[in-house]
Amino acid sequence: MSSNVGLTTPRGSGTSGYVQRNLSHLKPRDNLQPYQKDFDSFKHRQRQPDKDILEHDRKREIEVKVFELRDRLEDEGVDEDAIDDQCDTLRKQLESKQASNGGPNARNLKSHQVHELAKAKIEESEKLRRALGIREDYEEGSHWKNQEERRGEREKQAAKGETREGGRDGRGYRDRD
């Protein structure tokens, strides 16, 4: 035994004497508050897709179809020049079809296609934003912030004595000079 770890002799103990770490032991955390108090960090940030990965997947999809055509034609015994011509025409046809098609359809995507799903979600959110007439620079909760700012300004004006009560409806007004 090294460093006085384990049993001096495993005989009669019912164990082999092999010492292991307790992997189920959880160390106490130093941080007492597991959640941040910074509310700006709670804002939802949508994951942006990587354009290089999207382009690679698009090209790969085209090349898979071209390779399947090439394989089928080689099995049929077609001449090599004719195979190249047919593959080139299919490649051009698929590229033009994908260019006119636009973005990915979210219904046909798999869960591992993270970047395609992110792009489809951004397009869907943009479409919904336009349909509801929401500005691009809209910030969530800005209405409440504006209300708080106006209330603060009114309280400052009331403290300075710039406004006074007038009329039966209780609305304040400024003296005209």
N, C-alpha and C. Protein backbone atom coordinates (compact mmCIF):
# COMPACT_ATOMS: atom_id res chain seq x y z
N MET A 1 0.84 -1.18 0.00
CA MET A 1 0.00 0.00 0.00
C MET A 1 0.88 1.23 0.00
N SER A 2 0.46 2.22 -0.75
CA SER A 2 1.22 3.45 -0.79
C SER A 2 0.48 4.54 -0.04
N SER A 3 1.21 5.34 0.70
CA SER A 3 0.68 6.50 1.42
C SER A 3 -0.43 6.12 2.41
N ASN A 4 -0.36 4.94 2.95
CA ASN A 4 -1.34 4.47 3.95
C ASN A 4 -2.77 4.55 3.44
N VAL A 5 -2.99 4.22 2.18
CA VAL A 5 -4.33 4.24 1.61
C VAL A 5 -4.82 2.81 1.49
N GLY A 6 -6.06 2.57 1.85
CA GLY A 6 -6.65 1.26 1.71
C GLY A 6 -6.37 0.40 2.92
N LEU A 7 -6.60 -0.86 2.76
CA LEU A 7 -6.41 -1.81 3.86
C LEU A 7 -4.97 -2.29 3.87
N THR A 8 -4.46 -2.52 5.07
CA THR A 8 -3.10 -3.06 5.14
C THR A 8 -3.08 -4.47 4.57
N THR A 9 -4.14 -5.21 4.85
CA THR A 9 -4.28 -6.53 4.24
C THR A 9 -5.76 -6.76 3.95
N PRO A 10 -6.08 -7.13 2.73
CA PRO A 10 -7.49 -7.32 2.39
C PRO A 10 -8.07 -8.63 2.92
N ARG A 11 -7.25 -9.43 3.55
CA ARG A 11 -7.67 -10.75 4.00
C ARG A 11 -8.75 -10.64 5.07
N GLY A 12 -9.86 -11.30 4.86
CA GLY A 12 -10.95 -11.31 5.83
C GLY A 12 -11.86 -10.09 5.75
N SER A 13 -11.59 -9.17 4.83
CA SER A 13 -12.42 -7.97 4.76
C SER A 13 -13.53 -8.11 3.72
N GLY A 14 -13.45 -9.11 2.86
CA GLY A 14 -14.44 -9.28 1.81
C GLY A 14 -14.19 -8.38 0.62
N THR A 15 -13.03 -7.73 0.55
CA THR A 15 -12.71 -6.87 -0.60
C THR A 15 -11.39 -7.33 -1.19
N SER A 16 -11.11 -6.80 -2.37
CA SER A 16 -9.84 -7.13 -3.01
C SER A 16 -8.74 -6.18 -2.56
N GLY A 17 -9.13 -5.11 -1.88
CA GLY A 17 -8.15 -4.14 -1.44
C GLY A 17 -7.90 -3.04 -2.44
N TYR A 18 -8.59 -3.10 -3.59
CA TYR A 18 -8.41 -2.07 -4.61
C TYR A 18 -9.15 -0.81 -4.18
N VAL A 19 -8.48 0.34 -4.24
CA VAL A 19 -9.06 1.60 -3.79
C VAL A 19 -9.54 2.39 -5.00
N GLN A 20 -10.78 2.89 -4.91
CA GLN A 20 -11.36 3.69 -5.99
C GLN A 20 -11.85 5.01 -5.45
N ARG A 21 -11.97 5.98 -6.36
CA ARG A 21 -12.57 7.27 -5.99
C ARG A 21 -14.08 7.14 -5.93
N ASN A 22 -14.69 7.92 -5.08
CA ASN A 22 -16.14 7.96 -5.03
C ASN A 22 -16.61 9.00 -6.04
N LEU A 23 -17.03 8.55 -7.21
CA LEU A 23 -17.42 9.45 -8.28
C LEU A 23 -18.78 10.07 -8.04
N SER A 24 -19.56 9.55 -7.12
CA SER A 24 -20.89 10.11 -6.85
C SER A 24 -20.84 11.23 -5.82
N HIS A 25 -19.67 11.49 -5.25
CA HIS A 25 -19.55 12.56 -4.26
C HIS A 25 -19.57 13.92 -4.95
N LEU A 26 -20.49 14.79 -4.54
CA LEU A 26 -20.60 16.13 -5.10
C LEU A 26 -19.92 17.13 -4.18
N LYS A 27 -19.02 17.91 -4.75
CA LYS A 27 -18.34 18.92 -3.95
C LYS A 27 -19.26 20.12 -3.77
N PRO A 28 -19.23 20.75 -2.61
CA PRO A 28 -20.09 21.93 -2.42
C PRO A 28 -19.60 23.09 -3.29
N ARG A 29 -20.54 23.87 -3.76
CA ARG A 29 -20.21 24.99 -4.62
C ARG A 29 -19.78 26.19 -3.78
N ASP A 30 -18.86 26.97 -4.32
CA ASP A 30 -18.43 28.18 -3.65
C ASP A 30 -19.46 29.29 -3.84
N ASN A 31 -20.10 29.32 -5.00
CA ASN A 31 -21.06 30.36 -5.33
C ASN A 31 -22.39 30.03 -4.68
N LEU A 32 -22.88 30.90 -3.83
CA LEU A 32 -24.13 30.64 -3.14
C LEU A 32 -25.34 30.95 -4.00
N GLN A 33 -25.22 31.87 -4.96
CA GLN A 33 -26.33 32.23 -5.82
C GLN A 33 -26.10 31.61 -7.20
N PRO A 34 -26.88 30.59 -7.54
CA PRO A 34 -26.64 29.93 -8.83
C PRO A 34 -27.09 30.76 -10.02
N TYR A 35 -27.95 31.78 -9.81
CA TYR A 35 -28.46 32.56 -10.94
C TYR A 35 -27.91 33.97 -10.89
N GLN A 36 -27.70 34.54 -12.06
CA GLN A 36 -27.17 35.88 -12.15
C GLN A 36 -28.26 36.90 -11.83
N LYS A 37 -27.84 38.01 -11.26
CA LYS A 37 -28.78 39.09 -10.97
C LYS A 37 -28.87 40.08 -12.13
N ASP A 38 -28.00 39.95 -13.12
CA ASP A 38 -27.98 40.84 -14.26
C ASP A 38 -29.11 40.45 -15.22
N PHE A 39 -30.14 41.29 -15.31
CA PHE A 39 -31.31 40.93 -16.10
C PHE A 39 -31.07 41.07 -17.60
N ASP A 40 -30.05 41.82 -18.01
CA ASP A 40 -29.75 41.92 -19.43
C ASP A 40 -29.23 40.60 -19.98
N SER A 41 -28.66 39.78 -19.11
CA SER A 41 -28.15 38.49 -19.57
C SER A 41 -29.28 37.50 -19.81
N PHE A 42 -30.49 37.80 -19.29
CA PHE A 42 -31.63 36.90 -19.49
C PHE A 42 -32.27 37.08 -20.86
N LYS A 43 -31.90 38.11 -21.60
CA LYS A 43 -32.49 38.34 -22.90
C LYS A 43 -32.21 37.15 -23.82
N HIS A 44 -33.19 36.82 -24.61
CA HIS A 44 -33.05 35.71 -25.54
C HIS A 44 -32.21 36.16 -26.73
N ARG A 45 -31.14 35.44 -26.96
CA ARG A 45 -30.30 35.71 -28.12
C ARG A 45 -30.40 34.51 -29.04
N GLN A 46 -30.89 34.75 -30.23
CA GLN A 46 -31.09 33.65 -31.16
C GLN A 46 -29.75 33.26 -31.76
N ARG A 47 -29.52 31.98 -31.85
CA ARG A 47 -28.26 31.49 -32.38
C ARG A 47 -28.19 31.77 -33.88
N GLN A 48 -27.09 32.36 -34.29
CA GLN A 48 -26.90 32.71 -35.69
C GLN A 48 -26.27 31.52 -36.42
N PRO A 49 -26.81 31.17 -37.60
CA PRO A 49 -26.24 30.04 -38.35
C PRO A 49 -24.91 30.43 -38.99
N ASP A 50 -24.05 29.45 -39.17
CA ASP A 50 -22.76 29.65 -39.81
C ASP A 50 -22.95 29.54 -41.32
N LYS A 51 -22.66 30.60 -42.03
CA LYS A 51 -22.89 30.64 -43.48
C LYS A 51 -22.01 29.64 -44.22
N ASP A 52 -20.79 29.41 -43.73
CA ASP A 52 -19.90 28.45 -44.40
C ASP A 52 -20.46 27.03 -44.30
N ILE A 53 -21.00 26.69 -43.15
CA ILE A 53 -21.57 25.35 -42.98
C ILE A 53 -22.82 25.19 -43.85
N LEU A 54 -23.64 26.22 -43.91
CA LEU A 54 -24.83 26.16 -44.76
C LEU A 54 -24.45 25.98 -46.22
N GLU A 55 -23.44 26.71 -46.67
CA GLU A 55 -22.99 26.60 -48.06
C GLU A 55 -22.40 25.21 -48.33
N HIS A 56 -21.64 24.70 -47.37
CA HIS A 56 -21.06 23.36 -47.52
C HIS A 56 -22.16 22.31 -47.63
N ASP A 57 -23.17 22.39 -46.77
CA ASP A 57 -24.26 21.41 -46.81
C ASP A 57 -25.04 21.49 -48.12
N ARG A 58 -25.23 22.72 -48.61
CA ARG A 58 -25.95 22.90 -49.88
C ARG A 58 -25.17 22.25 -51.02
N LYS A 59 -23.86 22.50 -51.08
CA LYS A 59 -23.03 21.91 -52.13
C LYS A 59 -22.94 20.40 -51.99
N ARG A 60 -22.88 19.93 -50.77
CA ARG A 60 -22.78 18.49 -50.52
C ARG A 60 -24.04 17.78 -51.00
N GLU A 61 -25.19 18.37 -50.75
CA GLU A 61 -26.46 17.78 -51.18
C GLU A 61 -26.50 17.65 -52.70
N ILE A 62 -26.00 18.67 -53.40
CA ILE A 62 -25.96 18.63 -54.86
C ILE A 62 -25.01 17.53 -55.32
N GLU A 63 -23.83 17.49 -54.74
CA GLU A 63 -22.82 16.51 -55.16
C GLU A 63 -23.25 15.08 -54.87
N VAL A 64 -24.02 14.85 -53.82
CA VAL A 64 -24.52 13.50 -53.53
C VAL A 64 -25.43 13.04 -54.66
N LYS A 65 -26.32 13.92 -55.11
CA LYS A 65 -27.23 13.56 -56.19
C LYS A 65 -26.47 13.33 -57.50
N VAL A 66 -25.45 14.16 -57.75
CA VAL A 66 -24.63 13.99 -58.96
C VAL A 66 -23.87 12.67 -58.90
N PHE A 67 -23.34 12.35 -57.73
CA PHE A 67 -22.59 11.09 -57.59
C PHE A 67 -23.51 9.88 -57.78
N GLU A 68 -24.73 9.97 -57.28
CA GLU A 68 -25.68 8.86 -57.47
C GLU A 68 -25.98 8.66 -58.95
N LEU A 69 -26.13 9.76 -59.70
CA LEU A 69 -26.35 9.66 -61.14
C LEU A 69 -25.13 9.05 -61.82
N ARG A 70 -23.94 9.52 -61.45
CA ARG A 70 -22.71 8.99 -62.05
C ARG A 70 -22.58 7.50 -61.78
N ASP A 71 -22.87 7.08 -60.56
CA ASP A 71 -22.76 5.66 -60.20
C ASP A 71 -23.74 4.82 -61.02
N ARG A 72 -24.96 5.32 -61.15
CA ARG A 72 -25.98 4.58 -61.90
C ARG A 72 -25.58 4.47 -63.38
N LEU A 73 -25.07 5.57 -63.93
CA LEU A 73 -24.68 5.53 -65.35
C LEU A 73 -23.47 4.64 -65.59
N GLU A 74 -22.53 4.62 -64.63
CA GLU A 74 -21.37 3.73 -64.78
C GLU A 74 -21.79 2.27 -64.72
N ASP A 75 -22.77 1.95 -63.87
CA ASP A 75 -23.27 0.57 -63.80
C ASP A 75 -23.96 0.18 -65.10
N GLU A 76 -24.58 1.15 -65.78
CA GLU A 76 -25.25 0.86 -67.04
C GLU A 76 -24.26 0.77 -68.21
N GLY A 77 -23.01 1.21 -67.98
CA GLY A 77 -21.98 1.10 -69.02
C GLY A 77 -21.99 2.25 -70.01
N VAL A 78 -22.41 3.42 -69.62
CA VAL A 78 -22.45 4.60 -70.49
C VAL A 78 -21.03 5.14 -70.63
N ASP A 79 -20.76 5.78 -71.80
CA ASP A 79 -19.45 6.34 -72.10
C ASP A 79 -19.10 7.44 -71.08
N GLU A 80 -17.80 7.59 -70.74
CA GLU A 80 -17.32 8.53 -69.72
C GLU A 80 -17.64 9.98 -70.07
N ASP A 81 -17.51 10.34 -71.37
CA ASP A 81 -17.83 11.73 -71.78
C ASP A 81 -19.32 12.02 -71.61
N ALA A 82 -20.15 11.07 -71.94
CA ALA A 82 -21.60 11.25 -71.79
C ALA A 82 -21.97 11.37 -70.31
N ILE A 83 -21.28 10.60 -69.46
CA ILE A 83 -21.53 10.67 -68.01
C ILE A 83 -21.17 12.05 -67.49
N ASP A 84 -20.01 12.58 -67.90
CA ASP A 84 -19.59 13.91 -67.46
C ASP A 84 -20.58 14.98 -67.90
N ASP A 85 -21.06 14.87 -69.15
CA ASP A 85 -22.01 15.87 -69.66
C ASP A 85 -23.32 15.82 -68.86
N GLN A 86 -23.83 14.62 -68.62
CA GLN A 86 -25.09 14.50 -67.87
C GLN A 86 -24.93 14.98 -66.43
N CYS A 87 -23.78 14.70 -65.82
CA CYS A 87 -23.52 15.14 -64.45
C CYS A 87 -23.44 16.66 -64.37
N ASP A 88 -22.79 17.28 -65.37
CA ASP A 88 -22.68 18.74 -65.37
C ASP A 88 -24.05 19.39 -65.54
N THR A 89 -24.86 18.84 -66.43
CA THR A 89 -26.20 19.42 -66.61
C THR A 89 -27.06 19.25 -65.36
N LEU A 90 -26.95 18.09 -64.71
CA LEU A 90 -27.71 17.88 -63.47
C LEU A 90 -27.23 18.84 -62.38
N ARG A 91 -25.92 19.03 -62.27
CA ARG A 91 -25.37 19.94 -61.26
C ARG A 91 -25.88 21.36 -61.47
N LYS A 92 -25.85 21.83 -62.73
CA LYS A 92 -26.33 23.19 -63.03
C LYS A 92 -27.84 23.30 -62.75
N GLN A 93 -28.58 22.26 -63.10
CA GLN A 93 -30.02 22.26 -62.88
C GLN A 93 -30.34 22.31 -61.38
N LEU A 94 -29.63 21.54 -60.57
CA LEU A 94 -29.87 21.53 -59.12
C LEU A 94 -29.47 22.85 -58.47
N GLU A 95 -28.37 23.45 -58.94
CA GLU A 95 -27.93 24.74 -58.39
C GLU A 95 -28.95 25.84 -58.69
N SER A 96 -29.48 25.85 -59.91
CA SER A 96 -30.48 26.87 -60.25
C SER A 96 -31.77 26.62 -59.47
N LYS A 97 -32.12 25.37 -59.27
CA LYS A 97 -33.34 25.04 -58.53
C LYS A 97 -33.20 25.46 -57.06
N GLN A 98 -32.04 25.23 -56.46
CA GLN A 98 -31.83 25.64 -55.06
C GLN A 98 -31.75 27.14 -54.92
N ALA A 99 -31.21 27.83 -55.92
CA ALA A 99 -31.12 29.29 -55.86
C ALA A 99 -32.51 29.91 -55.91
N SER A 100 -33.40 29.34 -56.72
CA SER A 100 -34.76 29.88 -56.83
C SER A 100 -35.64 29.44 -55.65
N ASN A 101 -35.28 28.33 -55.02
CA ASN A 101 -36.08 27.78 -53.92
C ASN A 101 -35.99 28.65 -52.67
N GLY A 102 -34.87 29.28 -52.42
CA GLY A 102 -34.72 30.12 -51.22
C GLY A 102 -34.06 29.34 -50.11
N GLY A 103 -34.63 29.42 -48.90
CA GLY A 103 -34.03 28.82 -47.73
C GLY A 103 -34.53 27.41 -47.48
N PRO A 104 -34.06 26.82 -46.41
CA PRO A 104 -34.45 25.46 -46.08
C PRO A 104 -35.88 25.41 -45.55
N ASN A 105 -36.55 24.31 -45.79
CA ASN A 105 -37.87 24.09 -45.25
C ASN A 105 -37.72 23.42 -43.89
N ALA A 106 -38.23 24.05 -42.86
CA ALA A 106 -38.02 23.57 -41.49
C ALA A 106 -38.66 22.21 -41.26
N ARG A 107 -39.66 21.87 -42.03
CA ARG A 107 -40.35 20.58 -41.83
C ARG A 107 -39.50 19.40 -42.28
N ASN A 108 -38.64 19.62 -43.26
CA ASN A 108 -37.84 18.52 -43.80
C ASN A 108 -36.49 18.38 -43.12
N LEU A 109 -36.19 19.21 -42.14
CA LEU A 109 -34.88 19.19 -41.52
C LEU A 109 -34.83 18.19 -40.36
N LYS A 110 -33.65 17.65 -40.15
CA LYS A 110 -33.43 16.72 -39.04
C LYS A 110 -32.90 17.50 -37.84
N SER A 111 -32.91 16.89 -36.68
CA SER A 111 -32.49 17.58 -35.46
C SER A 111 -30.99 17.86 -35.45
N HIS A 112 -30.20 17.12 -36.20
CA HIS A 112 -28.75 17.34 -36.23
C HIS A 112 -28.36 18.49 -37.17
N GLN A 113 -29.29 18.99 -37.96
CA GLN A 113 -29.01 20.09 -38.88
C GLN A 113 -29.27 21.41 -38.15
N VAL A 114 -28.40 21.71 -37.20
CA VAL A 114 -28.60 22.82 -36.27
C VAL A 114 -28.59 24.16 -37.00
N HIS A 115 -27.66 24.34 -37.92
CA HIS A 115 -27.53 25.62 -38.60
C HIS A 115 -28.71 25.87 -39.55
N GLU A 116 -29.16 24.83 -40.22
CA GLU A 116 -30.32 24.98 -41.08
C GLU A 116 -31.56 25.30 -40.27
N LEU A 117 -31.71 24.64 -39.11
CA LEU A 117 -32.85 24.92 -38.24
C LEU A 117 -32.80 26.36 -37.73
N ALA A 118 -31.61 26.83 -37.38
CA ALA A 118 -31.47 28.21 -36.89
C ALA A 118 -31.83 29.20 -37.99
N LYS A 119 -31.40 28.94 -39.22
CA LYS A 119 -31.72 29.84 -40.33
C LYS A 119 -33.22 29.84 -40.59
N ALA A 120 -33.84 28.67 -40.56
CA ALA A 120 -35.29 28.59 -40.79
C ALA A 120 -36.05 29.31 -39.68
N LYS A 121 -35.58 29.21 -38.44
CA LYS A 121 -36.23 29.88 -37.32
C LYS A 121 -36.12 31.40 -37.45
N ILE A 122 -34.96 31.88 -37.87
CA ILE A 122 -34.77 33.33 -38.06
C ILE A 122 -35.70 33.83 -39.16
N GLU A 123 -35.80 33.08 -40.26
CA GLU A 123 -36.69 33.49 -41.35
C GLU A 123 -38.14 33.49 -40.89
N GLU A 124 -38.51 32.49 -40.10
CA GLU A 124 -39.88 32.42 -39.58
C GLU A 124 -40.17 33.60 -38.64
N SER A 125 -39.22 33.93 -37.78
CA SER A 125 -39.40 35.05 -36.86
C SER A 125 -39.50 36.37 -37.62
N GLU A 126 -38.69 36.52 -38.65
CA GLU A 126 -38.72 37.74 -39.46
C GLU A 126 -40.06 37.87 -40.19
N LYS A 127 -40.56 36.77 -40.69
CA LYS A 127 -41.85 36.77 -41.38
C LYS A 127 -42.97 37.15 -40.41
N LEU A 128 -42.94 36.62 -39.21
CA LEU A 128 -43.94 36.94 -38.19
C LEU A 128 -43.83 38.40 -37.77
N ARG A 129 -42.61 38.90 -37.61
CA ARG A 129 -42.41 40.30 -37.23
C ARG A 129 -43.00 41.24 -38.27
N ARG A 130 -42.77 40.94 -39.55
CA ARG A 130 -43.33 41.77 -40.62
C ARG A 130 -44.85 41.69 -40.65
N ALA A 131 -45.39 40.47 -40.42
CA ALA A 131 -46.85 40.29 -40.44
C ALA A 131 -47.52 41.07 -39.31
N LEU A 132 -46.89 41.13 -38.15
CA LEU A 132 -47.46 41.84 -37.01
C LEU A 132 -47.13 43.33 -37.01
N GLY A 133 -46.27 43.76 -37.91
CA GLY A 133 -45.93 45.17 -38.02
C GLY A 133 -45.01 45.64 -36.91
N ILE A 134 -44.15 44.80 -36.42
CA ILE A 134 -43.21 45.16 -35.35
C ILE A 134 -41.95 45.74 -35.99
N ARG A 135 -41.48 46.87 -35.44
CA ARG A 135 -40.28 47.51 -35.98
C ARG A 135 -39.07 46.61 -35.78
N GLU A 136 -38.05 46.81 -36.61
CA GLU A 136 -36.82 46.02 -36.50
C GLU A 136 -36.04 46.39 -35.25
N ASP A 137 -36.11 47.66 -34.84
CA ASP A 137 -35.34 48.11 -33.69
C ASP A 137 -36.12 47.97 -32.38
N TYR A 138 -37.22 47.24 -32.40
CA TYR A 138 -38.03 47.07 -31.20
C TYR A 138 -37.25 46.30 -30.15
N GLU A 139 -37.29 46.79 -28.94
CA GLU A 139 -36.63 46.12 -27.82
C GLU A 139 -37.69 45.65 -26.86
N GLU A 140 -37.63 44.41 -26.47
CA GLU A 140 -38.64 43.85 -25.59
C GLU A 140 -38.67 44.59 -24.26
N GLY A 141 -39.85 45.01 -23.84
CA GLY A 141 -40.00 45.72 -22.57
C GLY A 141 -39.74 47.20 -22.66
N SER A 142 -39.55 47.74 -23.87
CA SER A 142 -39.24 49.16 -24.01
C SER A 142 -40.42 50.04 -23.62
N HIS A 143 -41.64 49.54 -23.77
CA HIS A 143 -42.82 50.31 -23.38
C HIS A 143 -42.78 50.62 -21.88
N TRP A 144 -42.43 49.62 -21.09
CA TRP A 144 -42.40 49.81 -19.64
C TRP A 144 -41.27 50.75 -19.24
N LYS A 145 -40.15 50.65 -19.94
CA LYS A 145 -39.04 51.57 -19.66
C LYS A 145 -39.45 53.01 -19.94
N ASN A 146 -40.12 53.22 -21.08
CA ASN A 146 -40.57 54.57 -21.42
C ASN A 146 -41.56 55.10 -20.39
N GLN A 147 -42.45 54.24 -19.93
CA GLN A 147 -43.42 54.66 -18.91
C GLN A 147 -42.71 55.08 -17.63
N GLU A 148 -41.72 54.31 -17.23
CA GLU A 148 -40.96 54.64 -16.01
C GLU A 148 -40.21 55.96 -16.19
N GLU A 149 -39.65 56.19 -17.36
CA GLU A 149 -38.93 57.45 -17.61
C GLU A 149 -39.88 58.64 -17.55
N ARG A 150 -41.07 58.51 -18.15
CA ARG A 150 -42.03 59.61 -18.11
C ARG A 150 -42.50 59.88 -16.68
N ARG A 151 -42.72 58.82 -15.92
CA ARG A 151 -43.14 58.99 -14.53
C ARG A 151 -42.04 59.70 -13.74
N GLY A 152 -40.80 59.33 -13.96
CA GLY A 152 -39.68 59.98 -13.28
C GLY A 152 -39.57 61.46 -13.63
N GLU A 153 -39.79 61.78 -14.91
CA GLU A 153 -39.75 63.18 -15.34
C GLU A 153 -40.87 63.98 -14.68
N ARG A 154 -42.07 63.40 -14.61
CA ARG A 154 -43.18 64.10 -13.96
C ARG A 154 -42.90 64.35 -12.49
N GLU A 155 -42.30 63.35 -11.84
CA GLU A 155 -41.99 63.51 -10.41
C GLU A 155 -40.94 64.59 -10.21
N LYS A 156 -39.96 64.67 -11.11
CA LYS A 156 -38.94 65.72 -11.01
C LYS A 156 -39.57 67.10 -11.21
N GLN A 157 -40.46 67.20 -12.20
CA GLN A 157 -41.12 68.47 -12.44
C GLN A 157 -41.99 68.87 -11.26
N ALA A 158 -42.68 67.89 -10.66
CA ALA A 158 -43.52 68.19 -9.51
C ALA A 158 -42.67 68.64 -8.33
N ALA A 159 -41.50 68.05 -8.19
CA ALA A 159 -40.63 68.42 -7.09
C ALA A 159 -40.08 69.84 -7.28
N LYS A 160 -39.85 70.23 -8.53
CA LYS A 160 -39.34 71.57 -8.80
C LYS A 160 -40.45 72.62 -8.70
N GLY A 161 -41.69 72.20 -8.78
CA GLY A 161 -42.80 73.13 -8.70
C GLY A 161 -43.15 73.73 -10.04
N GLU A 162 -42.74 73.11 -11.14
CA GLU A 162 -43.03 73.64 -12.47
C GLU A 162 -44.48 73.42 -12.86
N THR A 163 -45.11 72.42 -12.28
CA THR A 163 -46.50 72.14 -12.63
C THR A 163 -47.38 72.45 -11.45
N ARG A 164 -48.64 72.72 -11.72
CA ARG A 164 -49.59 72.92 -10.65
C ARG A 164 -50.91 72.30 -11.06
N GLU A 165 -51.69 71.97 -10.09
CA GLU A 165 -52.97 71.32 -10.36
C GLU A 165 -53.95 72.35 -10.90
N GLY A 166 -54.77 71.94 -11.85
CA GLY A 166 -55.74 72.87 -12.40
C GLY A 166 -56.94 72.13 -12.93
N GLY A 167 -58.13 72.76 -12.80
CA GLY A 167 -59.34 72.16 -13.33
C GLY A 167 -59.85 71.02 -12.48
N ARG A 168 -61.05 70.54 -12.86
CA ARG A 168 -61.66 69.48 -12.08
C ARG A 168 -61.12 68.10 -12.45
N ASP A 169 -60.56 67.97 -13.65
CA ASP A 169 -60.08 66.65 -14.06
C ASP A 169 -58.74 66.31 -13.45
N GLY A 170 -58.09 67.25 -12.79
CA GLY A 170 -56.86 66.95 -12.07
C GLY A 170 -55.63 66.96 -12.95
N ARG A 171 -55.74 67.38 -14.20
CA ARG A 171 -54.58 67.42 -15.06
C ARG A 171 -53.77 68.68 -14.77
N GLY A 172 -52.46 68.54 -14.83
CA GLY A 172 -51.61 69.71 -14.58
C GLY A 172 -51.34 70.45 -15.86
N TYR A 173 -51.00 71.75 -15.73
CA TYR A 173 -50.65 72.55 -16.89
C TYR A 173 -49.62 73.58 -16.49
N ARG A 174 -48.92 74.09 -17.47
CA ARG A 174 -47.90 75.10 -17.22
C ARG A 174 -48.49 76.49 -17.41
N ASP A 175 -47.95 77.42 -16.67
CA ASP A 175 -48.36 78.82 -16.84
C ASP A 175 -47.83 79.31 -18.18
N ARG A 176 -48.67 80.08 -18.86
CA ARG A 176 -48.24 80.64 -20.14
C ARG A 176 -47.60 81.97 -19.90
N ASP A 177 -46.49 82.24 -20.54
CA ASP A 177 -45.80 83.52 -20.42
C ASP A 177 -46.07 84.40 -21.59
